[in-house]
Amino acid sequence: MKKWIPLLVICLLAIGVMSYSKLKVSEIAGIRLECADLCDNGQIPAGLFAERTFTEPQEIKVFVTAINKAKRMKGELDYGASFRMDVNYKNGRTKKYVLNISDSKGEGTTGLLVNMENSGKGYSIPAENHDALRELIYEEEPG
């Protein structure tokens, strides 16, 4: 029985690492947002964009921090999509998400993040991270 304990520990550690790994700014080449439900019928709201890619390390850090701090929500979701988001890695990989960030400055407003690999599970973005994303998405002019 004792021979199996080290193997069991190694397997459990490997499963833990594979099941959850935080994003790292240094691994990401850019984050692309595409306006979704907010831009129905080709109508782009004033001050918004049809598509925008964020490549500056400070911008990427805002997204990465929000994604890493998002907490799993219970139950299955029924939601619209404000933005489709592609996280493009330097190694060529891409992860696809739905990102819902309100343009409202309401105190305590949270965001929604959904990994498209499992679109029924959602993650709540804390209010402080929602505000940082809102400022980046809705208030900053592209350089």
N, C-alpha and C. Protein backbone atom coordinates (compact mmCIF):
# COMPACT_ATOMS: atom_id res chain seq x y z
N MET A 1 0.82 -1.19 0.00
CA MET A 1 0.00 0.00 0.00
C MET A 1 0.86 1.26 0.00
N LYS A 2 1.97 1.26 0.72
CA LYS A 2 2.82 2.44 0.82
C LYS A 2 3.45 2.79 -0.51
N LYS A 3 3.62 1.81 -1.40
CA LYS A 3 4.20 2.09 -2.70
C LYS A 3 3.29 3.00 -3.53
N TRP A 4 1.99 2.96 -3.30
CA TRP A 4 1.02 3.72 -4.09
C TRP A 4 0.88 5.17 -3.63
N ILE A 5 1.27 5.47 -2.43
CA ILE A 5 1.06 6.82 -1.89
C ILE A 5 1.80 7.88 -2.71
N PRO A 6 3.10 7.72 -3.03
CA PRO A 6 3.76 8.76 -3.85
C PRO A 6 3.11 8.93 -5.22
N LEU A 7 2.71 7.82 -5.84
CA LEU A 7 2.05 7.89 -7.14
C LEU A 7 0.72 8.63 -7.03
N LEU A 8 -0.03 8.36 -5.99
CA LEU A 8 -1.31 9.03 -5.76
C LEU A 8 -1.10 10.53 -5.57
N VAL A 9 -0.11 10.91 -4.79
CA VAL A 9 0.19 12.33 -4.55
C VAL A 9 0.55 13.03 -5.86
N ILE A 10 1.38 12.40 -6.67
CA ILE A 10 1.79 12.98 -7.96
C ILE A 10 0.58 13.14 -8.87
N CYS A 11 -0.29 12.15 -8.93
CA CYS A 11 -1.49 12.23 -9.77
C CYS A 11 -2.41 13.35 -9.31
N LEU A 12 -2.63 13.48 -8.01
CA LEU A 12 -3.49 14.53 -7.49
C LEU A 12 -2.92 15.91 -7.78
N LEU A 13 -1.62 16.07 -7.64
CA LEU A 13 -0.99 17.35 -7.96
C LEU A 13 -1.14 17.68 -9.44
N ALA A 14 -0.94 16.69 -10.30
CA ALA A 14 -1.06 16.92 -11.74
C ALA A 14 -2.49 17.31 -12.10
N ILE A 15 -3.47 16.67 -11.52
CA ILE A 15 -4.86 17.01 -11.78
C ILE A 15 -5.16 18.43 -11.32
N GLY A 16 -4.66 18.80 -10.16
CA GLY A 16 -4.87 20.16 -9.64
C GLY A 16 -4.28 21.21 -10.55
N VAL A 17 -3.07 20.98 -11.05
CA VAL A 17 -2.42 21.94 -11.93
C VAL A 17 -3.15 22.03 -13.27
N MET A 18 -3.59 20.91 -13.80
CA MET A 18 -4.28 20.91 -15.08
C MET A 18 -5.66 21.56 -14.99
N SER A 19 -6.33 21.40 -13.86
CA SER A 19 -7.70 21.88 -13.76
C SER A 19 -7.77 23.39 -13.57
N TYR A 20 -6.75 24.01 -13.02
CA TYR A 20 -6.82 25.45 -12.81
C TYR A 20 -5.43 26.05 -12.85
N SER A 21 -5.21 26.88 -13.82
CA SER A 21 -3.96 27.64 -13.84
C SER A 21 -4.31 29.07 -14.18
N LYS A 22 -3.74 29.98 -13.44
CA LYS A 22 -4.03 31.40 -13.61
C LYS A 22 -3.34 31.91 -14.87
N LEU A 23 -3.98 32.89 -15.50
CA LEU A 23 -3.37 33.53 -16.65
C LEU A 23 -2.17 34.36 -16.21
N LYS A 24 -1.21 34.52 -17.10
CA LYS A 24 -0.03 35.34 -16.82
C LYS A 24 0.12 36.36 -17.94
N VAL A 25 0.30 37.62 -17.56
CA VAL A 25 0.45 38.70 -18.54
C VAL A 25 1.55 38.38 -19.53
N SER A 26 2.65 37.81 -19.06
CA SER A 26 3.81 37.54 -19.91
C SER A 26 3.52 36.50 -21.01
N GLU A 27 2.46 35.72 -20.86
CA GLU A 27 2.13 34.69 -21.84
C GLU A 27 1.17 35.17 -22.92
N ILE A 28 0.62 36.38 -22.75
CA ILE A 28 -0.46 36.84 -23.62
C ILE A 28 0.06 37.89 -24.60
N ALA A 29 -0.27 37.68 -25.88
CA ALA A 29 0.13 38.62 -26.93
C ALA A 29 -0.88 39.75 -27.07
N GLY A 30 -2.15 39.45 -26.84
CA GLY A 30 -3.18 40.47 -26.99
C GLY A 30 -4.54 39.94 -26.61
N ILE A 31 -5.44 40.86 -26.37
CA ILE A 31 -6.82 40.51 -26.05
C ILE A 31 -7.72 41.28 -27.02
N ARG A 32 -8.50 40.53 -27.76
CA ARG A 32 -9.38 41.11 -28.79
C ARG A 32 -10.81 41.09 -28.28
N LEU A 33 -11.46 42.25 -28.32
CA LEU A 33 -12.88 42.33 -27.99
C LEU A 33 -13.66 42.64 -29.26
N GLU A 34 -14.77 41.95 -29.41
CA GLU A 34 -15.68 42.21 -30.51
C GLU A 34 -17.04 42.54 -29.90
N CYS A 35 -17.58 43.67 -30.28
CA CYS A 35 -18.89 44.07 -29.78
C CYS A 35 -19.93 43.04 -30.26
N ALA A 36 -20.73 42.54 -29.35
CA ALA A 36 -21.71 41.50 -29.69
C ALA A 36 -23.12 42.09 -29.63
N ASP A 37 -23.89 41.73 -28.62
CA ASP A 37 -25.29 42.16 -28.53
C ASP A 37 -25.44 43.67 -28.47
N LEU A 38 -24.43 44.37 -27.96
CA LEU A 38 -24.50 45.83 -27.89
C LEU A 38 -24.51 46.47 -29.27
N CYS A 39 -24.03 45.73 -30.25
CA CYS A 39 -23.90 46.26 -31.61
C CYS A 39 -24.80 45.51 -32.60
N ASP A 40 -25.98 45.12 -32.15
CA ASP A 40 -26.92 44.43 -33.04
C ASP A 40 -27.22 45.25 -34.28
N ASN A 41 -27.44 44.58 -35.37
CA ASN A 41 -27.79 45.20 -36.64
C ASN A 41 -26.74 46.20 -37.13
N GLY A 42 -25.49 46.01 -36.73
CA GLY A 42 -24.42 46.88 -37.20
C GLY A 42 -24.42 48.27 -36.60
N GLN A 43 -25.29 48.52 -35.65
CA GLN A 43 -25.36 49.82 -34.99
C GLN A 43 -24.39 49.84 -33.81
N ILE A 44 -23.35 50.66 -33.91
CA ILE A 44 -22.35 50.74 -32.84
C ILE A 44 -22.68 51.94 -31.96
N PRO A 45 -22.94 51.72 -30.68
CA PRO A 45 -23.25 52.84 -29.79
C PRO A 45 -22.11 53.86 -29.76
N ALA A 46 -22.48 55.13 -29.57
CA ALA A 46 -21.49 56.21 -29.52
C ALA A 46 -20.43 55.89 -28.47
N GLY A 47 -19.17 56.10 -28.83
CA GLY A 47 -18.07 55.89 -27.91
C GLY A 47 -17.62 54.45 -27.80
N LEU A 48 -18.25 53.54 -28.54
CA LEU A 48 -17.85 52.14 -28.48
C LEU A 48 -17.15 51.77 -29.80
N PHE A 49 -16.85 50.52 -29.99
CA PHE A 49 -16.11 50.05 -31.16
C PHE A 49 -16.70 48.74 -31.61
N ALA A 50 -16.53 48.41 -32.88
CA ALA A 50 -16.97 47.11 -33.39
C ALA A 50 -16.00 46.02 -32.94
N GLU A 51 -14.72 46.37 -32.97
CA GLU A 51 -13.67 45.42 -32.59
C GLU A 51 -12.45 46.23 -32.13
N ARG A 52 -11.78 45.70 -31.13
CA ARG A 52 -10.58 46.38 -30.64
C ARG A 52 -9.65 45.34 -30.02
N THR A 53 -8.35 45.50 -30.26
CA THR A 53 -7.36 44.60 -29.68
C THR A 53 -6.49 45.39 -28.71
N PHE A 54 -6.33 44.84 -27.53
CA PHE A 54 -5.52 45.43 -26.48
C PHE A 54 -4.19 44.68 -26.42
N THR A 55 -3.07 45.39 -26.61
CA THR A 55 -1.77 44.73 -26.65
C THR A 55 -0.76 45.31 -25.65
N GLU A 56 -1.07 46.44 -25.06
CA GLU A 56 -0.16 47.05 -24.10
C GLU A 56 -0.16 46.22 -22.81
N PRO A 57 1.01 45.99 -22.22
CA PRO A 57 1.08 45.19 -20.99
C PRO A 57 0.15 45.68 -19.87
N GLN A 58 0.00 47.01 -19.71
CA GLN A 58 -0.88 47.54 -18.66
C GLN A 58 -2.33 47.19 -18.95
N GLU A 59 -2.73 47.23 -20.22
CA GLU A 59 -4.09 46.87 -20.61
C GLU A 59 -4.33 45.38 -20.37
N ILE A 60 -3.39 44.56 -20.80
CA ILE A 60 -3.52 43.11 -20.63
C ILE A 60 -3.61 42.77 -19.15
N LYS A 61 -2.84 43.48 -18.32
CA LYS A 61 -2.85 43.23 -16.88
C LYS A 61 -4.24 43.47 -16.29
N VAL A 62 -4.96 44.47 -16.76
CA VAL A 62 -6.32 44.74 -16.27
C VAL A 62 -7.23 43.54 -16.55
N PHE A 63 -7.15 43.01 -17.78
CA PHE A 63 -7.96 41.85 -18.14
C PHE A 63 -7.55 40.62 -17.35
N VAL A 64 -6.25 40.35 -17.28
CA VAL A 64 -5.73 39.16 -16.59
C VAL A 64 -6.14 39.19 -15.11
N THR A 65 -6.00 40.34 -14.48
CA THR A 65 -6.38 40.45 -13.06
C THR A 65 -7.86 40.15 -12.87
N ALA A 66 -8.70 40.70 -13.74
CA ALA A 66 -10.14 40.46 -13.65
C ALA A 66 -10.47 38.98 -13.85
N ILE A 67 -9.85 38.36 -14.83
CA ILE A 67 -10.11 36.93 -15.10
C ILE A 67 -9.64 36.09 -13.92
N ASN A 68 -8.46 36.37 -13.40
CA ASN A 68 -7.92 35.58 -12.30
C ASN A 68 -8.70 35.76 -11.00
N LYS A 69 -9.36 36.88 -10.82
CA LYS A 69 -10.12 37.12 -9.60
C LYS A 69 -11.59 36.73 -9.72
N ALA A 70 -12.03 36.37 -10.91
CA ALA A 70 -13.43 35.99 -11.12
C ALA A 70 -13.75 34.73 -10.32
N LYS A 71 -14.95 34.71 -9.75
CA LYS A 71 -15.41 33.59 -8.92
C LYS A 71 -16.53 32.83 -9.62
N ARG A 72 -16.47 31.52 -9.53
CA ARG A 72 -17.46 30.64 -10.15
C ARG A 72 -18.84 30.93 -9.59
N MET A 73 -19.84 31.02 -10.48
CA MET A 73 -21.22 31.23 -10.09
C MET A 73 -21.93 29.88 -10.07
N LYS A 74 -22.92 29.75 -9.21
CA LYS A 74 -23.67 28.50 -9.12
C LYS A 74 -24.73 28.43 -10.21
N GLY A 75 -25.03 27.21 -10.62
CA GLY A 75 -26.12 26.96 -11.56
C GLY A 75 -25.75 27.21 -13.01
N GLU A 76 -26.71 26.92 -13.88
CA GLU A 76 -26.55 27.17 -15.31
C GLU A 76 -26.97 28.60 -15.61
N LEU A 77 -26.38 29.19 -16.63
CA LEU A 77 -26.63 30.59 -16.95
C LEU A 77 -27.52 30.76 -18.17
N ASP A 78 -28.23 31.87 -18.17
CA ASP A 78 -28.97 32.34 -19.33
C ASP A 78 -28.57 33.80 -19.47
N TYR A 79 -27.83 34.16 -20.49
CA TYR A 79 -27.23 35.48 -20.57
C TYR A 79 -27.11 35.93 -22.02
N GLY A 80 -26.97 37.22 -22.21
CA GLY A 80 -26.61 37.80 -23.49
C GLY A 80 -25.11 38.04 -23.48
N ALA A 81 -24.60 38.50 -24.60
CA ALA A 81 -23.15 38.72 -24.70
C ALA A 81 -22.88 40.17 -25.10
N SER A 82 -22.27 40.93 -24.19
CA SER A 82 -21.86 42.29 -24.54
C SER A 82 -20.68 42.24 -25.50
N PHE A 83 -19.69 41.41 -25.16
CA PHE A 83 -18.48 41.28 -25.99
C PHE A 83 -18.09 39.82 -26.13
N ARG A 84 -17.56 39.50 -27.30
CA ARG A 84 -16.85 38.23 -27.48
C ARG A 84 -15.38 38.58 -27.29
N MET A 85 -14.69 37.79 -26.49
CA MET A 85 -13.30 38.10 -26.16
C MET A 85 -12.40 36.93 -26.53
N ASP A 86 -11.34 37.22 -27.25
CA ASP A 86 -10.31 36.24 -27.57
C ASP A 86 -9.06 36.61 -26.79
N VAL A 87 -8.56 35.68 -26.00
CA VAL A 87 -7.28 35.85 -25.34
C VAL A 87 -6.26 35.12 -26.21
N ASN A 88 -5.39 35.89 -26.85
CA ASN A 88 -4.41 35.35 -27.78
C ASN A 88 -3.06 35.22 -27.09
N TYR A 89 -2.60 33.98 -27.00
CA TYR A 89 -1.33 33.68 -26.34
C TYR A 89 -0.16 33.83 -27.30
N LYS A 90 1.00 34.09 -26.76
CA LYS A 90 2.22 34.23 -27.56
C LYS A 90 2.58 32.93 -28.28
N ASN A 91 2.13 31.79 -27.74
CA ASN A 91 2.43 30.50 -28.37
C ASN A 91 1.45 30.15 -29.50
N GLY A 92 0.53 31.10 -29.82
CA GLY A 92 -0.40 30.88 -30.92
C GLY A 92 -1.77 30.36 -30.49
N ARG A 93 -1.91 29.93 -29.26
CA ARG A 93 -3.19 29.44 -28.74
C ARG A 93 -4.15 30.60 -28.53
N THR A 94 -5.44 30.33 -28.61
CA THR A 94 -6.48 31.32 -28.34
C THR A 94 -7.54 30.70 -27.45
N LYS A 95 -7.97 31.44 -26.43
CA LYS A 95 -9.10 31.02 -25.60
C LYS A 95 -10.21 32.02 -25.84
N LYS A 96 -11.43 31.51 -25.98
CA LYS A 96 -12.59 32.36 -26.29
C LYS A 96 -13.51 32.48 -25.08
N TYR A 97 -13.97 33.70 -24.86
CA TYR A 97 -14.85 34.00 -23.74
C TYR A 97 -15.98 34.92 -24.19
N VAL A 98 -17.01 34.99 -23.36
CA VAL A 98 -17.98 36.07 -23.41
C VAL A 98 -17.64 36.95 -22.22
N LEU A 99 -17.63 38.26 -22.44
CA LEU A 99 -17.33 39.21 -21.38
C LEU A 99 -18.45 40.25 -21.34
N ASN A 100 -19.12 40.32 -20.20
CA ASN A 100 -20.17 41.32 -20.01
C ASN A 100 -19.69 42.33 -18.99
N ILE A 101 -19.44 43.53 -19.49
CA ILE A 101 -19.03 44.66 -18.65
C ILE A 101 -19.98 45.80 -18.98
N SER A 102 -20.61 46.33 -17.96
CA SER A 102 -21.56 47.42 -18.13
C SER A 102 -20.84 48.75 -18.29
N ASP A 103 -21.45 49.68 -19.01
CA ASP A 103 -20.87 51.02 -19.09
C ASP A 103 -21.36 51.89 -17.94
N SER A 104 -22.13 51.29 -17.04
CA SER A 104 -22.65 51.99 -15.87
C SER A 104 -21.59 52.12 -14.79
N LYS A 105 -21.60 53.29 -14.12
CA LYS A 105 -20.65 53.52 -13.04
C LYS A 105 -21.26 53.17 -11.69
N GLY A 106 -22.32 52.37 -11.69
CA GLY A 106 -23.00 52.01 -10.44
C GLY A 106 -22.10 51.28 -9.48
N GLU A 107 -22.14 51.71 -8.23
CA GLU A 107 -21.30 51.10 -7.20
C GLU A 107 -21.70 49.64 -7.00
N GLY A 108 -20.70 48.78 -6.94
CA GLY A 108 -20.95 47.37 -6.70
C GLY A 108 -21.31 46.56 -7.93
N THR A 109 -21.27 47.17 -9.12
CA THR A 109 -21.61 46.45 -10.35
C THR A 109 -20.52 45.42 -10.64
N THR A 110 -20.95 44.19 -10.87
CA THR A 110 -20.01 43.12 -11.19
C THR A 110 -20.12 42.78 -12.67
N GLY A 111 -19.13 42.08 -13.17
CA GLY A 111 -19.13 41.65 -14.56
C GLY A 111 -19.36 40.15 -14.66
N LEU A 112 -19.51 39.68 -15.88
CA LEU A 112 -19.72 38.26 -16.14
C LEU A 112 -18.68 37.79 -17.14
N LEU A 113 -18.05 36.67 -16.84
CA LEU A 113 -17.08 36.04 -17.71
C LEU A 113 -17.52 34.61 -17.94
N VAL A 114 -17.56 34.19 -19.21
CA VAL A 114 -17.94 32.82 -19.55
C VAL A 114 -16.92 32.27 -20.52
N ASN A 115 -16.29 31.17 -20.14
CA ASN A 115 -15.36 30.48 -21.03
C ASN A 115 -16.20 29.71 -22.04
N MET A 116 -15.99 29.94 -23.32
CA MET A 116 -16.83 29.33 -24.34
C MET A 116 -16.64 27.82 -24.46
N GLU A 117 -15.63 27.26 -23.81
CA GLU A 117 -15.49 25.81 -23.79
C GLU A 117 -16.58 25.17 -22.94
N ASN A 118 -17.15 25.94 -22.03
CA ASN A 118 -18.26 25.46 -21.20
C ASN A 118 -19.18 26.65 -20.95
N SER A 119 -20.00 26.97 -21.93
CA SER A 119 -20.76 28.22 -21.92
C SER A 119 -21.91 28.25 -20.93
N GLY A 120 -22.15 27.17 -20.20
CA GLY A 120 -23.19 27.17 -19.19
C GLY A 120 -22.69 27.57 -17.81
N LYS A 121 -21.37 27.66 -17.66
CA LYS A 121 -20.77 28.03 -16.38
C LYS A 121 -20.23 29.44 -16.46
N GLY A 122 -20.59 30.24 -15.47
CA GLY A 122 -20.16 31.63 -15.48
C GLY A 122 -19.32 31.98 -14.27
N TYR A 123 -18.61 33.08 -14.40
CA TYR A 123 -17.75 33.58 -13.35
C TYR A 123 -18.07 35.06 -13.15
N SER A 124 -18.22 35.44 -11.90
CA SER A 124 -18.52 36.82 -11.55
C SER A 124 -17.22 37.60 -11.37
N ILE A 125 -17.11 38.71 -12.08
CA ILE A 125 -15.94 39.58 -11.95
C ILE A 125 -16.23 40.58 -10.85
N PRO A 126 -15.38 40.66 -9.82
CA PRO A 126 -15.62 41.58 -8.71
C PRO A 126 -15.77 43.04 -9.17
N ALA A 127 -16.49 43.82 -8.37
CA ALA A 127 -16.82 45.21 -8.71
C ALA A 127 -15.57 46.04 -9.03
N GLU A 128 -14.52 45.92 -8.24
CA GLU A 128 -13.33 46.76 -8.49
C GLU A 128 -12.68 46.41 -9.82
N ASN A 129 -12.70 45.12 -10.19
CA ASN A 129 -12.14 44.71 -11.48
C ASN A 129 -13.08 45.10 -12.62
N HIS A 130 -14.40 45.03 -12.37
CA HIS A 130 -15.38 45.49 -13.35
C HIS A 130 -15.13 46.97 -13.67
N ASP A 131 -14.92 47.78 -12.63
CA ASP A 131 -14.69 49.21 -12.83
C ASP A 131 -13.44 49.47 -13.65
N ALA A 132 -12.37 48.73 -13.38
CA ALA A 132 -11.13 48.89 -14.14
C ALA A 132 -11.34 48.52 -15.61
N LEU A 133 -12.08 47.44 -15.86
CA LEU A 133 -12.37 47.05 -17.24
C LEU A 133 -13.28 48.07 -17.92
N ARG A 134 -14.29 48.56 -17.20
CA ARG A 134 -15.21 49.55 -17.74
C ARG A 134 -14.44 50.79 -18.20
N GLU A 135 -13.52 51.25 -17.37
CA GLU A 135 -12.72 52.43 -17.73
C GLU A 135 -11.88 52.15 -18.97
N LEU A 136 -11.30 50.98 -19.05
CA LEU A 136 -10.46 50.62 -20.19
C LEU A 136 -11.29 50.49 -21.47
N ILE A 137 -12.43 49.84 -21.37
CA ILE A 137 -13.25 49.54 -22.56
C ILE A 137 -14.06 50.75 -23.02
N TYR A 138 -14.70 51.42 -22.10
CA TYR A 138 -15.64 52.48 -22.47
C TYR A 138 -15.08 53.89 -22.44
N GLU A 139 -14.03 54.11 -21.68
CA GLU A 139 -13.57 55.48 -21.49
C GLU A 139 -12.25 55.80 -22.17
N GLU A 140 -11.41 54.81 -22.37
CA GLU A 140 -10.11 55.10 -23.00
C GLU A 140 -10.26 55.12 -24.51
N GLU A 141 -9.64 56.11 -25.11
CA GLU A 141 -9.59 56.19 -26.56
C GLU A 141 -8.43 55.33 -27.06
N PRO A 142 -8.64 54.56 -28.14
CA PRO A 142 -7.52 53.78 -28.68
C PRO A 142 -6.36 54.69 -29.05
N GLY A 143 -5.13 54.23 -28.72
CA GLY A 143 -3.91 55.01 -28.96
C GLY A 143 -3.64 55.11 -30.40
